[in-house]
Amino acid sequence: MMCDKCKIRPATVHYTKIVNGVKTEMHLCDQCAAEEGILNTEVFSSFTPFSVQNLLSGLMDFLPGIEDFTKKPLKCNYCGMTYEDFKRIGRLGCSHCYTAFAEELNPLIRRIHGSTEHRGKIPKKAGGKMRVKRQIEELRQQLEKAIKEEAYEKAAELRDKIRELEKELGK
């Protein structure tokens, strides 16, 4: 998007002003925003850009128990990345780092995603077993609910479905 005023430079400042219910939007470059008095250089000079790495490392500092782990020099045996490097950079070095730093990462992953297990979409071709496992999990929750509600016939049906699905998985 180009600057609304000069129409030469890209707009980097997006200004919205609402007066008496009337909304006015301006998209200006830094130079035109400064000329308009919108961009206070004293305020924005101390502004540091947002980064996911800073967010992750900041979250790790507030998780209970994390400070105990940082005292030990943890290191991935495969790529050589240390846990301190991960905290500083915000990215893991390789897939083996997930295993090497599992104890430290699980509280962070649980806090961000609500679980340490994947709950997202599953590919149709490769996700057959995962789909069945999820179905079993859902049926077990329904079974518990049916037992609490004393709906024993429904509970028996759910139990049988669970057993059939577990046979499919080879349990």
C-alpha atoms as a PDB file:
ATOM      1  CA  MET A   1       0.000   0.000   0.000  1.00  0.00           C
ATOM      2  CA  MET A   2       1.382   3.393  -0.986  1.00  0.00           C
ATOM      3  CA  CYS A   3       1.363   6.539   1.128  1.00  0.00           C
ATOM      4  CA  ASP A   4      -1.952   8.452   0.882  1.00  0.00           C
ATOM      5  CA  LYS A   5      -0.139  11.819   0.918  1.00  0.00           C
ATOM      6  CA  CYS A   6       2.967  11.527  -1.311  1.00  0.00           C
ATOM      7  CA  LYS A   7       1.901   8.414  -3.268  1.00  0.00           C
ATOM      8  CA  ILE A   8       5.623   7.598  -3.713  1.00  0.00           C
ATOM      9  CA  ARG A   9       6.794   5.631  -0.665  1.00  0.00           C
ATOM     10  CA  PRO A  10       5.137   2.592   0.932  1.00  0.00           C
ATOM     11  CA  ALA A  11       2.794   3.316   3.848  1.00  0.00           C
ATOM     12  CA  THR A  12       4.267   2.156   7.140  1.00  0.00           C
ATOM     13  CA  VAL A  13       2.083   4.179   9.532  1.00  0.00           C
ATOM     14  CA  HIS A  14      -1.610   3.356   9.629  1.00  0.00           C
ATOM     15  CA  TYR A  15      -3.491   6.029  11.542  1.00  0.00           C
ATOM     16  CA  THR A  16      -7.154   5.815  12.535  1.00  0.00           C
ATOM     17  CA  LYS A  17      -8.960   8.793  14.047  1.00  0.00           C
ATOM     18  CA  ILE A  18     -12.571   8.754  15.279  1.00  0.00           C
ATOM     19  CA  VAL A  19     -14.240  12.102  16.022  1.00  0.00           C
ATOM     20  CA  ASN A  20     -17.963  12.270  16.841  1.00  0.00           C
ATOM     21  CA  GLY A  21     -18.444   8.780  15.444  1.00  0.00           C
ATOM     22  CA  VAL A  22     -16.771   9.673  12.118  1.00  0.00           C
ATOM     23  CA  LYS A  23     -13.851   7.382  11.319  1.00  0.00           C
ATOM     24  CA  THR A  24     -10.913   8.692   9.295  1.00  0.00           C
ATOM     25  CA  GLU A  25      -8.070   6.414   8.216  1.00  0.00           C
ATOM     26  CA  MET A  26      -4.714   7.526   6.868  1.00  0.00           C
ATOM     27  CA  HIS A  27      -1.938   5.335   5.516  1.00  0.00           C
ATOM     28  CA  LEU A  28       1.304   7.282   5.444  1.00  0.00           C
ATOM     29  CA  CYS A  29       5.013   6.711   4.973  1.00  0.00           C
ATOM     30  CA  ASP A  30       7.325   7.591   7.900  1.00  0.00           C
ATOM     31  CA  GLN A  31       8.340  10.910   6.354  1.00  0.00           C
ATOM     32  CA  CYS A  32       4.779  12.135   5.669  1.00  0.00           C
ATOM     33  CA  ALA A  33       3.614  10.940   9.085  1.00  0.00           C
ATOM     34  CA  ALA A  34       6.387  12.970  10.722  1.00  0.00           C
ATOM     35  CA  GLU A  35       5.401  16.026   8.642  1.00  0.00           C
ATOM     36  CA  GLU A  36       1.771  15.613   9.734  1.00  0.00           C
ATOM     37  CA  GLY A  37       2.876  15.348  13.368  1.00  0.00           C
ATOM     38  CA  ILE A  38       1.395  11.871  13.660  1.00  0.00           C
ATOM     39  CA  LEU A  39       4.704  10.103  14.075  1.00  0.00           C
ATOM     40  CA  ASN A  40       6.315  11.257  17.292  1.00  0.00           C
ATOM     41  CA  THR A  41       9.894  10.176  16.710  1.00  0.00           C
ATOM     42  CA  GLU A  42      10.679  10.198  20.448  1.00  0.00           C
ATOM     43  CA  VAL A  43       7.971   7.595  21.088  1.00  0.00           C
ATOM     44  CA  PHE A  44       8.766   5.360  18.120  1.00  0.00           C
ATOM     45  CA  SER A  45      12.559   5.526  18.369  1.00  0.00           C
ATOM     46  CA  SER A  46      12.472   3.292  21.454  1.00  0.00           C
ATOM     47  CA  PHE A  47      10.017   0.864  19.848  1.00  0.00           C
ATOM     48  CA  THR A  48      11.478  -2.536  19.048  1.00  0.00           C
ATOM     49  CA  PRO A  49       9.778  -4.743  16.471  1.00  0.00           C
ATOM     50  CA  PHE A  50       7.744  -7.684  17.727  1.00  0.00           C
ATOM     51  CA  SER A  51       9.251 -11.106  17.198  1.00  0.00           C
ATOM     52  CA  VAL A  52       7.942 -14.574  17.990  1.00  0.00           C
ATOM     53  CA  GLN A  53      11.377 -15.507  19.330  1.00  0.00           C
ATOM     54  CA  ASN A  54      11.174 -12.748  21.961  1.00  0.00           C
ATOM     55  CA  LEU A  55       7.654 -13.836  22.878  1.00  0.00           C
ATOM     56  CA  LEU A  56       8.692 -17.483  23.360  1.00  0.00           C
ATOM     57  CA  SER A  57      11.774 -16.667  25.389  1.00  0.00           C
ATOM     58  CA  GLY A  58       9.717 -14.268  27.502  1.00  0.00           C
ATOM     59  CA  LEU A  59       7.109 -16.944  28.178  1.00  0.00           C
ATOM     60  CA  MET A  60       9.792 -19.421  29.215  1.00  0.00           C
ATOM     61  CA  ASP A  61      11.074 -17.039  31.865  1.00  0.00           C
ATOM     62  CA  PHE A  62       7.659 -17.024  33.580  1.00  0.00           C
ATOM     63  CA  LEU A  63       6.925 -20.752  33.549  1.00  0.00           C
ATOM     64  CA  PRO A  64       7.206 -22.426  36.947  1.00  0.00           C
ATOM     65  CA  GLY A  65      10.143 -24.793  37.229  1.00  0.00           C
ATOM     66  CA  ILE A  66      11.927 -23.569  34.084  1.00  0.00           C
ATOM     67  CA  GLU A  67      14.566 -21.734  36.077  1.00  0.00           C
ATOM     68  CA  ASP A  68      15.622 -25.044  37.645  1.00  0.00           C
ATOM     69  CA  PHE A  69      16.323 -26.529  34.200  1.00  0.00           C
ATOM     70  CA  THR A  70      18.337 -23.580  32.939  1.00  0.00           C
ATOM     71  CA  LYS A  71      20.980 -24.173  35.636  1.00  0.00           C
ATOM     72  CA  LYS A  72      21.917 -27.498  34.004  1.00  0.00           C
ATOM     73  CA  PRO A  73      23.790 -27.139  30.720  1.00  0.00           C
ATOM     74  CA  LEU A  74      21.322 -28.927  28.407  1.00  0.00           C
ATOM     75  CA  LYS A  75      22.488 -29.710  24.910  1.00  0.00           C
ATOM     76  CA  CYS A  76      21.094 -31.575  21.893  1.00  0.00           C
ATOM     77  CA  ASN A  77      23.478 -34.420  21.089  1.00  0.00           C
ATOM     78  CA  TYR A  78      22.555 -34.292  17.397  1.00  0.00           C
ATOM     79  CA  CYS A  79      22.959 -30.619  16.412  1.00  0.00           C
ATOM     80  CA  GLY A  80      24.769 -29.248  19.470  1.00  0.00           C
ATOM     81  CA  MET A  81      22.195 -26.559  20.308  1.00  0.00           C
ATOM     82  CA  THR A  82      21.952 -25.686  23.985  1.00  0.00           C
ATOM     83  CA  TYR A  83      18.755 -24.821  25.813  1.00  0.00           C
ATOM     84  CA  GLU A  84      20.163 -21.327  26.417  1.00  0.00           C
ATOM     85  CA  ASP A  85      20.638 -20.943  22.632  1.00  0.00           C
ATOM     86  CA  PHE A  86      16.987 -21.928  22.131  1.00  0.00           C
ATOM     87  CA  LYS A  87      15.850 -19.382  24.724  1.00  0.00           C
ATOM     88  CA  ARG A  88      17.905 -16.671  23.032  1.00  0.00           C
ATOM     89  CA  ILE A  89      17.010 -17.520  19.407  1.00  0.00           C
ATOM     90  CA  GLY A  90      13.495 -18.880  19.892  1.00  0.00           C
ATOM     91  CA  ARG A  91      13.968 -21.740  17.401  1.00  0.00           C
ATOM     92  CA  LEU A  92      15.159 -25.291  17.801  1.00  0.00           C
ATOM     93  CA  GLY A  93      18.139 -26.502  15.831  1.00  0.00           C
ATOM     94  CA  CYS A  94      16.718 -29.832  14.638  1.00  0.00           C
ATOM     95  CA  SER A  95      13.923 -32.336  15.192  1.00  0.00           C
ATOM     96  CA  HIS A  96      16.020 -34.101  17.854  1.00  0.00           C
ATOM     97  CA  CYS A  97      15.923 -30.955  20.026  1.00  0.00           C
ATOM     98  CA  TYR A  98      12.279 -31.713  20.850  1.00  0.00           C
ATOM     99  CA  THR A  99      13.420 -34.900  22.564  1.00  0.00           C
ATOM    100  CA  ALA A 100      16.522 -33.378  24.137  1.00  0.00           C
ATOM    101  CA  PHE A 101      14.564 -30.488  25.672  1.00  0.00           C
ATOM    102  CA  ALA A 102      11.254 -32.336  26.213  1.00  0.00           C
ATOM    103  CA  GLU A 103      11.025 -31.619  29.952  1.00  0.00           C
ATOM    104  CA  GLU A 104      11.618 -27.922  29.387  1.00  0.00           C
ATOM    105  CA  LEU A 105       9.440 -27.571  26.276  1.00  0.00           C
ATOM    106  CA  ASN A 106       6.343 -29.438  27.473  1.00  0.00           C
ATOM    107  CA  PRO A 107       5.201 -26.724  29.945  1.00  0.00           C
ATOM    108  CA  LEU A 108       5.695 -24.091  27.238  1.00  0.00           C
ATOM    109  CA  ILE A 109       3.851 -26.103  24.583  1.00  0.00           C
ATOM    110  CA  ARG A 110       1.035 -26.911  27.026  1.00  0.00           C
ATOM    111  CA  ARG A 111       0.700 -23.221  27.917  1.00  0.00           C
ATOM    112  CA  ILE A 112       0.586 -22.072  24.283  1.00  0.00           C
ATOM    113  CA  HIS A 113      -1.520 -24.879  22.763  1.00  0.00           C
ATOM    114  CA  GLY A 114      -3.424 -26.217  25.779  1.00  0.00           C
ATOM    115  CA  SER A 115      -2.015 -29.704  25.234  1.00  0.00           C
ATOM    116  CA  THR A 116       1.233 -31.436  24.400  1.00  0.00           C
ATOM    117  CA  GLU A 117      -0.497 -33.647  21.843  1.00  0.00           C
ATOM    118  CA  HIS A 118      -1.367 -32.543  18.323  1.00  0.00           C
ATOM    119  CA  ARG A 119      -5.072 -31.651  17.997  1.00  0.00           C
ATOM    120  CA  GLY A 120      -5.071 -30.106  14.534  1.00  0.00           C
ATOM    121  CA  LYS A 121      -5.973 -31.431  11.127  1.00  0.00           C
ATOM    122  CA  ILE A 122      -4.863 -34.890  10.092  1.00  0.00           C
ATOM    123  CA  PRO A 123      -3.950 -35.792   6.504  1.00  0.00           C
ATOM    124  CA  LYS A 124      -6.539 -38.150   5.010  1.00  0.00           C
ATOM    125  CA  LYS A 125      -4.003 -40.606   3.580  1.00  0.00           C
ATOM    126  CA  ALA A 126      -1.589 -40.783   6.503  1.00  0.00           C
ATOM    127  CA  GLY A 127      -3.894 -40.169   9.456  1.00  0.00           C
ATOM    128  CA  GLY A 128      -5.961 -43.371   9.596  1.00  0.00           C
ATOM    129  CA  LYS A 129      -4.669 -44.603  12.957  1.00  0.00           C
ATOM    130  CA  MET A 130      -4.698 -41.136  14.460  1.00  0.00           C
ATOM    131  CA  ARG A 131      -8.313 -40.644  13.409  1.00  0.00           C
ATOM    132  CA  VAL A 132      -9.312 -43.971  15.005  1.00  0.00           C
ATOM    133  CA  LYS A 133      -7.434 -43.075  18.224  1.00  0.00           C
ATOM    134  CA  ARG A 134      -9.286 -39.768  18.422  1.00  0.00           C
ATOM    135  CA  GLN A 135     -12.574 -41.513  17.820  1.00  0.00           C
ATOM    136  CA  ILE A 136     -11.815 -43.951  20.656  1.00  0.00           C
ATOM    137  CA  GLU A 137     -10.938 -41.033  22.933  1.00  0.00           C
ATOM    138  CA  GLU A 138     -14.235 -39.281  22.123  1.00  0.00           C
ATOM    139  CA  LEU A 139     -16.182 -42.508  22.679  1.00  0.00           C
ATOM    140  CA  ARG A 140     -14.486 -42.998  26.073  1.00  0.00           C
ATOM    141  CA  GLN A 141     -15.577 -39.508  27.118  1.00  0.00           C
ATOM    142  CA  GLN A 142     -19.135 -40.303  25.998  1.00  0.00           C
ATOM    143  CA  LEU A 143     -18.926 -43.604  27.896  1.00  0.00           C
ATOM    144  CA  GLU A 144     -17.932 -41.819  31.124  1.00  0.00           C
ATOM    145  CA  LYS A 145     -20.806 -39.384  30.673  1.00  0.00           C
ATOM    146  CA  ALA A 146     -23.279 -42.222  30.025  1.00  0.00           C
ATOM    147  CA  ILE A 147     -22.116 -44.040  33.167  1.00  0.00           C
ATOM    148  CA  LYS A 148     -22.511 -40.870  35.272  1.00  0.00           C
ATOM    149  CA  GLU A 149     -26.013 -40.407  33.858  1.00  0.00           C
ATOM    150  CA  GLU A 150     -26.718 -44.098  34.561  1.00  0.00           C
ATOM    151  CA  ALA A 151     -27.568 -44.731  30.872  1.00  0.00           C
ATOM    152  CA  TYR A 152     -26.192 -48.242  30.980  1.00  0.00           C
ATOM    153  CA  GLU A 153     -27.596 -49.448  27.639  1.00  0.00           C
ATOM    154  CA  LYS A 154     -25.918 -46.567  25.834  1.00  0.00           C
ATOM    155  CA  ALA A 155     -22.743 -47.226  27.856  1.00  0.00           C
ATOM    156  CA  ALA A 156     -22.727 -50.858  26.719  1.00  0.00           C
ATOM    157  CA  GLU A 157     -23.073 -49.777  23.061  1.00  0.00           C
ATOM    158  CA  LEU A 158     -20.222 -47.297  23.444  1.00  0.00           C
ATOM    159  CA  ARG A 159     -18.063 -49.946  25.139  1.00  0.00           C
ATOM    160  CA  ASP A 160     -18.651 -52.319  22.221  1.00  0.00           C
ATOM    161  CA  LYS A 161     -17.762 -49.615  19.664  1.00  0.00           C
ATOM    162  CA  ILE A 162     -14.559 -48.873  21.565  1.00  0.00           C
ATOM    163  CA  ARG A 163     -13.613 -52.568  21.560  1.00  0.00           C
ATOM    164  CA  GLU A 164     -14.235 -52.830  17.800  1.00  0.00           C
ATOM    165  CA  LEU A 165     -12.055 -49.791  17.101  1.00  0.00           C
ATOM    166  CA  GLU A 166      -9.296 -51.078  19.376  1.00  0.00           C
ATOM    167  CA  LYS A 167      -9.311 -54.367  17.421  1.00  0.00           C
ATOM    168  CA  GLU A 168      -8.850 -52.326  14.215  1.00  0.00           C
ATOM    169  CA  LEU A 169      -5.762 -50.723  15.756  1.00  0.00           C
ATOM    170  CA  GLY A 170      -4.455 -54.116  16.827  1.00  0.00           C
ATOM    171  CA  LYS A 171      -4.540 -53.517  20.575  1.00  0.00           C
END
